[in-house]
């Protein structure tokens, strides 16, 4: 993706294609991965690494929030 590319719009999201809602964590991870790619100038062949790092960041954020009592685990 070129350096001057804009963030993809949600007009044609995966949820519309599959008919299912995108979970909040997926949206958070996708946006974080986008900003990681933006920060490094969209260098090729790093998309999977960006995704994995963003997922790790999300899990660390949740862990911190749980430790601080801001989020509780669901008992389904």
PDB file of N, CA and C in Angstrom:
ATOM      1  N   UNK A   1       0.851  -1.171   0.000  1.00  0.00           N
ATOM      2  CA  UNK A   1       0.000   0.000   0.000  1.00  0.00           C
ATOM      3  C   UNK A   1       0.896   1.233   0.000  1.00  0.00           C
ATOM      4  N   UNK A   2       0.617   2.231  -0.815  1.00  0.00           N
ATOM      5  CA  UNK A   2       1.457   3.416  -0.888  1.00  0.00           C
ATOM      6  C   UNK A   2       1.420   4.219   0.400  1.00  0.00           C
ATOM      7  N   UNK A   3       2.468   5.043   0.593  1.00  0.00           N
ATOM      8  CA  UNK A   3       2.577   5.830   1.812  1.00  0.00           C
ATOM      9  C   UNK A   3       1.412   6.776   2.013  1.00  0.00           C
ATOM     10  N   UNK A   4       0.873   7.304   0.950  1.00  0.00           N
ATOM     11  CA  UNK A   4      -0.202   8.284   1.073  1.00  0.00           C
ATOM     12  C   UNK A   4      -1.585   7.642   1.064  1.00  0.00           C
ATOM     13  N   UNK A   5      -1.633   6.337   1.219  1.00  0.00           N
ATOM     14  CA  UNK A   5      -2.920   5.642   1.213  1.00  0.00           C
ATOM     15  C   UNK A   5      -3.699   5.970   2.474  1.00  0.00           C
ATOM     16  N   UNK A   6      -4.972   6.092   2.326  1.00  0.00           N
ATOM     17  CA  UNK A   6      -5.833   6.350   3.466  1.00  0.00           C
ATOM     18  C   UNK A   6      -6.282   5.033   4.076  1.00  0.00           C
ATOM     19  N   UNK A   7      -6.708   5.120   5.316  1.00  0.00           N
ATOM     20  CA  UNK A   7      -7.231   3.953   6.010  1.00  0.00           C
ATOM     21  C   UNK A   7      -8.452   3.443   5.263  1.00  0.00           C
ATOM     22  N   UNK A   8      -8.553   2.144   5.062  1.00  0.00           N
ATOM     23  CA  UNK A   8      -9.712   1.601   4.359  1.00  0.00           C
ATOM     24  C   UNK A   8     -11.005   1.956   5.089  1.00  0.00           C
ATOM     25  N   UNK A   9     -12.014   2.298   4.316  1.00  0.00           N
ATOM     26  CA  UNK A   9     -13.293   2.633   4.939  1.00  0.00           C
ATOM     27  C   UNK A   9     -14.011   1.366   5.358  1.00  0.00           C
ATOM     28  N   UNK A  10     -14.951   1.520   6.265  1.00  0.00           N
ATOM     29  CA  UNK A  10     -15.722   0.368   6.713  1.00  0.00           C
ATOM     30  C   UNK A  10     -16.952   0.161   5.843  1.00  0.00           C
ATOM     31  N   UNK A  11     -17.015   0.865   4.701  1.00  0.00           N
ATOM     32  CA  UNK A  11     -18.174   0.763   3.823  1.00  0.00           C
ATOM     33  C   UNK A  11     -18.382  -0.665   3.321  1.00  0.00           C
ATOM     34  N   UNK A  12     -17.314  -1.371   3.082  1.00  0.00           N
ATOM     35  CA  UNK A  12     -17.419  -2.755   2.613  1.00  0.00           C
ATOM     36  C   UNK A  12     -16.628  -3.630   3.565  1.00  0.00           C
ATOM     37  N   UNK A  13     -17.124  -3.752   4.758  1.00  0.00           N
ATOM     38  CA  UNK A  13     -16.410  -4.501   5.779  1.00  0.00           C
ATOM     39  C   UNK A  13     -16.612  -6.003   5.598  1.00  0.00           C
ATOM     40  N   UNK A  14     -15.778  -6.750   6.282  1.00  0.00           N
ATOM     41  CA  UNK A  14     -15.882  -8.205   6.234  1.00  0.00           C
ATOM     42  C   UNK A  14     -17.229  -8.677   6.766  1.00  0.00           C
ATOM     43  N   UNK A  15     -17.774  -7.951   7.744  1.00  0.00           N
ATOM     44  CA  UNK A  15     -19.057  -8.362   8.303  1.00  0.00           C
ATOM     45  C   UNK A  15     -20.158  -8.301   7.256  1.00  0.00           C
ATOM     46  N   UNK A  16     -20.082  -7.339   6.356  1.00  0.00           N
ATOM     47  CA  UNK A  16     -21.088  -7.243   5.307  1.00  0.00           C
ATOM     48  C   UNK A  16     -20.916  -8.364   4.301  1.00  0.00           C
ATOM     49  N   UNK A  17     -19.677  -8.779   4.082  1.00  0.00           N
ATOM     50  CA  UNK A  17     -19.431  -9.848   3.128  1.00  0.00           C
ATOM     51  C   UNK A  17     -19.849 -11.203   3.686  1.00  0.00           C
ATOM     52  N   UNK A  18     -19.609 -11.419   4.972  1.00  0.00           N
ATOM     53  CA  UNK A  18     -19.909 -12.719   5.555  1.00  0.00           C
ATOM     54  C   UNK A  18     -21.283 -12.776   6.204  1.00  0.00           C
ATOM     55  N   UNK A  19     -21.889 -11.616   6.440  1.00  0.00           N
ATOM     56  CA  UNK A  19     -23.191 -11.589   7.082  1.00  0.00           C
ATOM     57  C   UNK A  19     -23.122 -11.656   8.590  1.00  0.00           C
ATOM     58  N   UNK A  20     -21.915 -11.641   9.164  1.00  0.00           N
ATOM     59  CA  UNK A  20     -21.754 -11.709  10.614  1.00  0.00           C
ATOM     60  C   UNK A  20     -21.114 -10.416  11.108  1.00  0.00           C
ATOM     61  N   UNK A  21     -21.386 -10.073  12.327  1.00  0.00           N
ATOM     62  CA  UNK A  21     -20.802  -8.871  12.908  1.00  0.00           C
ATOM     63  C   UNK A  21     -19.326  -9.098  13.227  1.00  0.00           C
ATOM     64  N   UNK A  22     -18.519  -8.068  13.052  1.00  0.00           N
ATOM     65  CA  UNK A  22     -17.107  -8.160  13.392  1.00  0.00           C
ATOM     66  C   UNK A  22     -16.983  -7.959  14.894  1.00  0.00           C
ATOM     67  N   UNK A  23     -16.357  -8.895  15.587  1.00  0.00           N
ATOM     68  CA  UNK A  23     -16.174  -8.734  17.031  1.00  0.00           C
ATOM     69  C   UNK A  23     -15.323  -7.494  17.318  1.00  0.00           C
ATOM     70  N   UNK A  24     -15.558  -6.878  18.466  1.00  0.00           N
ATOM     71  CA  UNK A  24     -14.832  -5.668  18.830  1.00  0.00           C
ATOM     72  C   UNK A  24     -13.320  -5.895  18.833  1.00  0.00           C
ATOM     73  N   UNK A  25     -12.881  -7.049  19.309  1.00  0.00           N
ATOM     74  CA  UNK A  25     -11.443  -7.301  19.343  1.00  0.00           C
ATOM     75  C   UNK A  25     -10.852  -7.364  17.936  1.00  0.00           C
ATOM     76  N   UNK A  26     -11.559  -7.914  16.987  1.00  0.00           N
ATOM     77  CA  UNK A  26     -11.083  -7.978  15.601  1.00  0.00           C
ATOM     78  C   UNK A  26     -10.909  -6.568  15.056  1.00  0.00           C
ATOM     79  N   UNK A  27     -11.871  -5.712  15.307  1.00  0.00           N
ATOM     80  CA  UNK A  27     -11.809  -4.326  14.832  1.00  0.00           C
ATOM     81  C   UNK A  27     -10.615  -3.604  15.457  1.00  0.00           C
ATOM     82  N   UNK A  28     -10.425  -3.771  16.763  1.00  0.00           N
ATOM     83  CA  UNK A  28      -9.318  -3.121  17.466  1.00  0.00           C
ATOM     84  C   UNK A  28      -7.990  -3.593  16.894  1.00  0.00           C
ATOM     85  N   UNK A  29      -7.840  -4.892  16.704  1.00  0.00           N
ATOM     86  CA  UNK A  29      -6.596  -5.469  16.193  1.00  0.00           C
ATOM     87  C   UNK A  29      -6.342  -5.004  14.762  1.00  0.00           C
ATOM     88  N   UNK A  30      -7.374  -4.989  13.943  1.00  0.00           N
ATOM     89  CA  UNK A  30      -7.226  -4.548  12.554  1.00  0.00           C
ATOM     90  C   UNK A  30      -6.749  -3.104  12.480  1.00  0.00           C
ATOM     91  N   UNK A  31      -7.346  -2.241  13.280  1.00  0.00           N
ATOM     92  CA  UNK A  31      -6.945  -0.836  13.271  1.00  0.00           C
ATOM     93  C   UNK A  31      -5.529  -0.659  13.810  1.00  0.00           C
ATOM     94  N   UNK A  32      -5.188  -1.381  14.864  1.00  0.00           N
ATOM     95  CA  UNK A  32      -3.840  -1.282  15.420  1.00  0.00           C
ATOM     96  C   UNK A  32      -2.808  -1.776  14.404  1.00  0.00           C
ATOM     97  N   UNK A  33      -3.116  -2.864  13.704  1.00  0.00           N
ATOM     98  CA  UNK A  33      -2.201  -3.384  12.685  1.00  0.00           C
ATOM     99  C   UNK A  33      -2.029  -2.374  11.551  1.00  0.00           C
ATOM    100  N   UNK A  34      -3.108  -1.706  11.183  1.00  0.00           N
ATOM    101  CA  UNK A  34      -3.028  -0.674  10.144  1.00  0.00           C
ATOM    102  C   UNK A  34      -2.065   0.433  10.571  1.00  0.00           C
ATOM    103  N   UNK A  35      -2.219   0.906  11.807  1.00  0.00           N
ATOM    104  CA  UNK A  35      -1.354   1.994  12.280  1.00  0.00           C
ATOM    105  C   UNK A  35       0.093   1.548  12.432  1.00  0.00           C
ATOM    106  N   UNK A  36       0.326   0.300  12.738  1.00  0.00           N
ATOM    107  CA  UNK A  36       1.691  -0.216  12.768  1.00  0.00           C
ATOM    108  C   UNK A  36       2.294  -0.182  11.360  1.00  0.00           C
ATOM    109  N   UNK A  37       1.506  -0.587  10.368  1.00  0.00           N
ATOM    110  CA  UNK A  37       1.968  -0.553   8.981  1.00  0.00           C
ATOM    111  C   UNK A  37       2.205   0.886   8.524  1.00  0.00           C
ATOM    112  N   UNK A  38       1.318   1.777   8.896  1.00  0.00           N
ATOM    113  CA  UNK A  38       1.459   3.193   8.546  1.00  0.00           C
ATOM    114  C   UNK A  38       2.753   3.761   9.123  1.00  0.00           C
ATOM    115  N   UNK A  39       3.041   3.431  10.367  1.00  0.00           N
ATOM    116  CA  UNK A  39       4.224   3.959  11.041  1.00  0.00           C
ATOM    117  C   UNK A  39       5.521   3.524  10.363  1.00  0.00           C
ATOM    118  N   UNK A  40       5.512   2.366   9.715  1.00  0.00           N
ATOM    119  CA  UNK A  40       6.725   1.902   9.037  1.00  0.00           C
ATOM    120  C   UNK A  40       6.664   2.115   7.533  1.00  0.00           C
ATOM    121  N   UNK A  41       5.714   2.922   7.081  1.00  0.00           N
ATOM    122  CA  UNK A  41       5.637   3.273   5.665  1.00  0.00           C
ATOM    123  C   UNK A  41       5.104   2.181   4.764  1.00  0.00           C
ATOM    124  N   UNK A  42       4.304   1.281   5.306  1.00  0.00           N
ATOM    125  CA  UNK A  42       3.701   0.188   4.540  1.00  0.00           C
ATOM    126  C   UNK A  42       4.731  -0.658   3.798  1.00  0.00           C
ATOM    127  N   UNK A  43       5.868  -0.898   4.449  1.00  0.00           N
ATOM    128  CA  UNK A  43       6.868  -1.776   3.850  1.00  0.00           C
ATOM    129  C   UNK A  43       6.231  -3.138   3.595  1.00  0.00           C
ATOM    130  N   UNK A  44       6.537  -3.750   2.459  1.00  0.00           N
ATOM    131  CA  UNK A  44       5.889  -5.023   2.112  1.00  0.00           C
ATOM    132  C   UNK A  44       6.314  -6.191   3.006  1.00  0.00           C
ATOM    133  N   UNK A  45       5.486  -7.207   2.989  1.00  0.00           N
ATOM    134  CA  UNK A  45       5.757  -8.490   3.654  1.00  0.00           C
ATOM    135  C   UNK A  45       5.818  -8.405   5.169  1.00  0.00           C
ATOM    136  N   UNK A  46       5.120  -7.461   5.767  1.00  0.00           N
ATOM    137  CA  UNK A  46       5.095  -7.360   7.218  1.00  0.00           C
ATOM    138  C   UNK A  46       3.676  -7.395   7.770  1.00  0.00           C
ATOM    139  N   UNK A  47       2.684  -7.609   6.911  1.00  0.00           N
ATOM    140  CA  UNK A  47       1.292  -7.531   7.348  1.00  0.00           C
ATOM    141  C   UNK A  47       0.971  -8.558   8.437  1.00  0.00           C
ATOM    142  N   UNK A  48       1.459  -9.762   8.297  1.00  0.00           N
ATOM    143  CA  UNK A  48       1.182 -10.778   9.306  1.00  0.00           C
ATOM    144  C   UNK A  48       1.856 -10.422  10.628  1.00  0.00           C
ATOM    145  N   UNK A  49       3.075  -9.932  10.566  1.00  0.00           N
ATOM    146  CA  UNK A  49       3.779  -9.523  11.777  1.00  0.00           C
ATOM    147  C   UNK A  49       3.055  -8.368  12.460  1.00  0.00           C
ATOM    148  N   UNK A  50       2.555  -7.408  11.664  1.00  0.00           N
ATOM    149  CA  UNK A  50       1.782  -6.295  12.229  1.00  0.00           C
ATOM    150  C   UNK A  50       0.547  -6.815  12.954  1.00  0.00           C
ATOM    151  N   UNK A  51      -0.137  -7.782  12.341  1.00  0.00           N
ATOM    152  CA  UNK A  51      -1.347  -8.338  12.933  1.00  0.00           C
ATOM    153  C   UNK A  51      -1.029  -9.038  14.264  1.00  0.00           C
ATOM    154  N   UNK A  52       0.007  -9.854  14.256  1.00  0.00           N
ATOM    155  CA  UNK A  52       0.371 -10.588  15.460  1.00  0.00           C
ATOM    156  C   UNK A  52       0.807  -9.651  16.592  1.00  0.00           C
ATOM    157  N   UNK A  53       1.545  -8.598  16.248  1.00  0.00           N
ATOM    158  CA  UNK A  53       1.945  -7.625  17.260  1.00  0.00           C
ATOM    159  C   UNK A  53       0.726  -6.880  17.808  1.00  0.00           C
ATOM    160  N   UNK A  54      -0.195  -6.516  16.937  1.00  0.00           N
ATOM    161  CA  UNK A  54      -1.410  -5.821  17.377  1.00  0.00           C
ATOM    162  C   UNK A  54      -2.249  -6.730  18.275  1.00  0.00           C
ATOM    163  N   UNK A  55      -2.326  -8.003  17.926  1.00  0.00           N
ATOM    164  CA  UNK A  55      -3.079  -8.951  18.757  1.00  0.00           C
ATOM    165  C   UNK A  55      -2.442  -9.079  20.137  1.00  0.00           C
ATOM    166  N   UNK A  56      -1.121  -9.129  20.164  1.00  0.00           N
ATOM    167  CA  UNK A  56      -0.405  -9.204  21.436  1.00  0.00           C
ATOM    168  C   UNK A  56      -0.655  -7.942  22.262  1.00  0.00           C
ATOM    169  N   UNK A  57      -0.655  -6.788  21.605  1.00  0.00           N
ATOM    170  CA  UNK A  57      -0.940  -5.525  22.296  1.00  0.00           C
ATOM    171  C   UNK A  57      -2.348  -5.535  22.882  1.00  0.00           C
ATOM    172  N   UNK A  58      -3.306  -6.054  22.133  1.00  0.00           N
ATOM    173  CA  UNK A  58      -4.701  -6.117  22.594  1.00  0.00           C
ATOM    174  C   UNK A  58      -4.813  -7.021  23.823  1.00  0.00           C
ATOM    175  N   UNK A  59      -4.165  -8.166  23.764  1.00  0.00           N
ATOM    176  CA  UNK A  59      -4.218  -9.097  24.892  1.00  0.00           C
ATOM    177  C   UNK A  59      -3.553  -8.495  26.130  1.00  0.00           C
ATOM    178  N   UNK A  60      -2.469  -7.752  25.941  1.00  0.00           N
ATOM    179  CA  UNK A  60      -1.808  -7.089  27.069  1.00  0.00           C
ATOM    180  C   UNK A  60      -2.712  -6.002  27.654  1.00  0.00           C
ATOM    181  N   UNK A  61      -3.404  -5.281  26.800  1.00  0.00           N
ATOM    182  CA  UNK A  61      -4.336  -4.254  27.261  1.00  0.00           C
ATOM    183  C   UNK A  61      -5.453  -4.877  28.093  1.00  0.00           C
ATOM    184  N   UNK A  62      -6.019  -5.970  27.616  1.00  0.00           N
ATOM    185  CA  UNK A  62      -7.077  -6.649  28.372  1.00  0.00           C
ATOM    186  C   UNK A  62      -6.574  -7.156  29.716  1.00  0.00           C
ATOM    187  N   UNK A  63      -5.391  -7.710  29.730  1.00  0.00           N
ATOM    188  CA  UNK A  63      -4.816  -8.219  30.971  1.00  0.00           C
ATOM    189  C   UNK A  63      -4.649  -7.083  31.984  1.00  0.00           C
ATOM    190  N   UNK A  64      -4.150  -5.956  31.522  1.00  0.00           N
ATOM    191  CA  UNK A  64      -3.986  -4.791  32.400  1.00  0.00           C
ATOM    192  C   UNK A  64      -5.327  -4.323  32.932  1.00  0.00           C
ATOM    193  N   UNK A  65      -6.330  -4.271  32.054  1.00  0.00           N
ATOM    194  CA  UNK A  65      -7.661  -3.832  32.479  1.00  0.00           C
ATOM    195  C   UNK A  65      -8.262  -4.809  33.486  1.00  0.00           C
ATOM    196  N   UNK A  66      -8.064  -6.085  33.276  1.00  0.00           N
ATOM    197  CA  UNK A  66      -8.588  -7.091  34.216  1.00  0.00           C
ATOM    198  C   UNK A  66      -7.914  -6.959  35.570  1.00  0.00           C
ATOM    199  N   UNK A  67      -6.600  -6.724  35.561  1.00  0.00           N
ATOM    200  CA  UNK A  67      -5.867  -6.563  36.819  1.00  0.00           C
ATOM    201  C   UNK A  67      -6.353  -5.339  37.579  1.00  0.00           C
ATOM    202  N   UNK A  68      -6.756  -4.312  36.842  1.00  0.00           N
ATOM    203  CA  UNK A  68      -7.236  -3.075  37.465  1.00  0.00           C
ATOM    204  C   UNK A  68      -8.737  -3.114  37.750  1.00  0.00           C
ATOM    205  N   UNK A  69      -9.373  -4.230  37.470  1.00  0.00           N
ATOM    206  CA  UNK A  69     -10.795  -4.375  37.746  1.00  0.00           C
ATOM    207  C   UNK A  69     -11.699  -3.649  36.770  1.00  0.00           C
ATOM    208  N   UNK A  70     -11.172  -3.263  35.610  1.00  0.00           N
ATOM    209  CA  UNK A  70     -11.980  -2.530  34.634  1.00  0.00           C
ATOM    210  C   UNK A  70     -12.780  -3.454  33.725  1.00  0.00           C
ATOM    211  N   UNK A  71     -12.342  -4.702  33.593  1.00  0.00           N
ATOM    212  CA  UNK A  71     -13.013  -5.677  32.733  1.00  0.00           C
ATOM    213  C   UNK A  71     -13.090  -6.983  33.504  1.00  0.00           C
ATOM    214  N   UNK A  72     -14.218  -7.642  33.412  1.00  0.00           N
ATOM    215  CA  UNK A  72     -14.331  -8.947  34.062  1.00  0.00           C
ATOM    216  C   UNK A  72     -14.464 -10.015  32.998  1.00  0.00           C
ATOM    217  N   UNK A  73     -14.053 -11.199  33.343  1.00  0.00           N
ATOM    218  CA  UNK A  73     -14.203 -12.327  32.429  1.00  0.00           C
ATOM    219  C   UNK A  73     -15.652 -12.774  32.401  1.00  0.00           C
ATOM    220  N   UNK A  74     -16.125 -13.082  31.212  1.00  0.00           N
ATOM    221  CA  UNK A  74     -17.495 -13.567  31.071  1.00  0.00           C
ATOM    222  C   UNK A  74     -17.587 -15.016  31.503  1.00  0.00           C
ATOM    223  N   UNK A  75     -18.685 -15.335  32.129  1.00  0.00           N
ATOM    224  CA  UNK A  75     -18.957 -16.724  32.506  1.00  0.00           C
ATOM    225  C   UNK A  75     -20.141 -17.203  31.672  1.00  0.00           C
ATOM    226  N   UNK A  76     -19.886 -17.643  30.449  1.00  0.00           N
ATOM    227  CA  UNK A  76     -20.972 -18.078  29.545  1.00  0.00           C
ATOM    228  C   UNK A  76     -21.336 -19.514  29.773  1.00  0.00           C
TER     229      UNK A  76
END
